[in-house]
Amino acid sequence: MSKTHAQILSELKVMISDFSGVHQKNINEESMLETDLRIYGDDTIDLLIIYSEQYNIDMSAFKGEEYIASEGDTLLPAIKKFFNGEKQVSRKDIKVADLVNGVITGVFNPSTLND
C-alpha cells in the first residue's frame, strides 16, 4: 500500500526534526531548508543522503551546486567579487514540498523542484 501525501509529509517532518533539532510544528511544506530551517552546506548534503537512502530516491540528476553553498569563509569571496565586479551566485533553496515530491516520484532533480 502506498503512503498518502500527508503520511509522507509527517514522516519527513520527523526526519528533518530529528536531524536539525527544529520542532516538527515549525516545519511545513513551504519551509525552506536553508532560509527557514537553517540547514546549510554539509548538513544539507548529509540530510539529503539520509533522505535518499531512507526513501530510495534517485539523486543522479540533482545539481547540488545550484542549491547547496559550500561552508566556510563566505565573506572574503563576496568582497572579492564585489570589487572585481562579479555577480554573486544566487542559490535556489529546497522546500520540504520538494522532498515530498521526490518520495512520490522516486526522483529528486531540478524538474521536481519549485523555483
Protein backbone atom coordinates (compact mmCIF):
# COMPACT_ATOMS: atom_id res chain seq x y z
CA MET A 1 0.00 0.00 0.00
CA SER A 2 1.43 3.35 -0.96
CA LYS A 3 1.63 6.19 1.52
CA THR A 4 -0.55 9.27 1.33
CA HIS A 5 0.84 12.73 0.80
CA ALA A 6 0.05 13.54 4.45
CA GLN A 7 1.86 10.42 5.68
CA ILE A 8 4.96 11.25 3.64
CA LEU A 9 4.96 14.82 4.91
CA SER A 10 4.58 13.63 8.50
CA GLU A 11 7.49 11.20 8.15
CA LEU A 12 9.70 13.86 6.56
CA LYS A 13 8.88 16.32 9.34
CA VAL A 14 10.06 13.74 11.90
CA MET A 15 13.23 13.03 9.91
CA ILE A 16 14.04 16.75 9.49
CA SER A 17 13.24 17.50 13.13
CA ASP A 18 15.43 14.64 14.37
CA PHE A 19 18.24 15.78 12.08
CA SER A 20 18.08 19.52 12.68
CA GLY A 21 16.53 19.96 16.11
CA VAL A 22 13.76 22.16 14.67
CA HIS A 23 10.43 21.29 16.27
CA GLN A 24 8.02 19.49 13.94
CA LYS A 25 5.33 22.13 14.44
CA ASN A 26 7.71 24.64 12.81
CA ILE A 27 8.15 22.52 9.68
CA ASN A 28 5.64 22.61 6.83
CA GLU A 29 5.65 22.00 3.09
CA GLU A 30 6.69 25.58 2.33
CA SER A 31 9.62 25.50 4.78
CA MET A 32 12.93 26.02 3.02
CA LEU A 33 15.92 24.06 4.25
CA GLU A 34 18.35 26.98 4.38
CA THR A 35 16.14 30.02 4.82
CA ASP A 36 13.64 28.65 7.33
CA LEU A 37 15.23 25.60 8.91
CA ARG A 38 18.85 26.80 8.91
CA ILE A 39 20.21 23.63 7.33
CA TYR A 40 23.32 24.63 5.36
CA GLY A 41 26.19 23.19 3.33
CA ASP A 42 27.44 19.82 4.51
CA ASP A 43 24.40 19.44 6.75
CA THR A 44 22.16 19.74 3.69
CA ILE A 45 24.21 17.07 1.94
CA ASP A 46 24.01 14.80 4.98
CA LEU A 47 20.24 15.26 5.21
CA LEU A 48 19.80 14.51 1.50
CA ILE A 49 21.89 11.35 1.85
CA ILE A 50 19.69 10.14 4.73
CA TYR A 51 16.58 11.09 2.73
CA SER A 52 17.72 9.34 -0.45
CA GLU A 53 18.69 6.17 1.41
CA GLN A 54 15.55 6.04 3.54
CA TYR A 55 13.21 6.51 0.58
CA ASN A 56 15.38 5.03 -2.20
CA ILE A 57 15.37 8.32 -4.13
CA ASP A 58 17.29 8.68 -7.39
CA MET A 59 19.50 11.74 -6.87
CA SER A 60 21.61 11.32 -10.02
CA ALA A 61 20.18 14.34 -11.88
CA PHE A 62 20.22 16.69 -8.87
CA LYS A 63 22.70 19.53 -9.36
CA GLY A 64 23.67 20.24 -5.78
CA GLU A 65 25.90 23.19 -6.65
CA GLU A 66 22.79 25.13 -7.70
CA TYR A 67 21.20 24.61 -4.27
CA ILE A 68 23.92 23.99 -1.71
CA ALA A 69 26.52 26.62 -0.85
CA SER A 70 29.90 25.47 0.37
CA GLU A 71 30.66 26.02 4.01
CA GLY A 72 33.50 28.15 5.26
CA ASP A 73 34.52 31.73 4.66
CA THR A 74 31.84 33.40 2.54
CA LEU A 75 32.71 37.00 3.43
CA LEU A 76 36.11 37.23 1.75
CA PRO A 77 34.94 35.74 -1.57
CA ALA A 78 31.92 38.08 -1.52
CA ILE A 79 34.17 41.11 -1.01
CA LYS A 80 36.47 39.98 -3.83
CA LYS A 81 33.54 39.52 -6.19
CA PHE A 82 32.17 42.95 -5.26
CA PHE A 83 35.45 44.72 -6.04
CA ASN A 84 36.04 42.68 -9.19
CA GLY A 85 32.53 43.46 -10.44
CA GLU A 86 31.49 39.82 -10.43
CA LYS A 87 27.92 38.78 -9.73
CA GLN A 88 27.08 36.91 -6.57
CA VAL A 89 25.88 33.40 -7.30
CA SER A 90 22.24 33.12 -6.38
CA ARG A 91 21.37 29.74 -4.98
CA LYS A 92 17.99 28.09 -5.09
CA ASP A 93 16.51 26.79 -1.85
CA ILE A 94 14.99 23.37 -1.32
CA LYS A 95 11.45 23.24 0.08
CA VAL A 96 10.08 20.40 2.18
CA ALA A 97 7.47 20.07 -0.60
CA ASP A 98 10.33 19.20 -2.97
CA LEU A 99 11.32 16.34 -0.67
CA VAL A 100 7.72 15.13 -0.56
CA ASN A 101 7.54 15.23 -4.36
CA GLY A 102 10.77 13.24 -4.58
CA VAL A 103 9.29 10.49 -2.40
CA ILE A 104 6.17 10.39 -4.58
CA THR A 105 8.09 10.27 -7.88
CA GLY A 106 11.17 8.39 -6.69
CA VAL A 107 13.38 11.03 -8.32
CA PHE A 108 14.86 14.23 -6.91
CA ASN A 109 16.08 16.56 -9.62
CA PRO A 110 15.62 20.13 -10.87
CA SER A 111 12.43 19.24 -12.70
CA THR A 112 10.85 18.26 -9.38
CA LEU A 113 11.93 21.43 -7.59
CA ASN A 114 9.96 24.61 -7.17
CA ASP A 115 11.84 27.66 -8.40
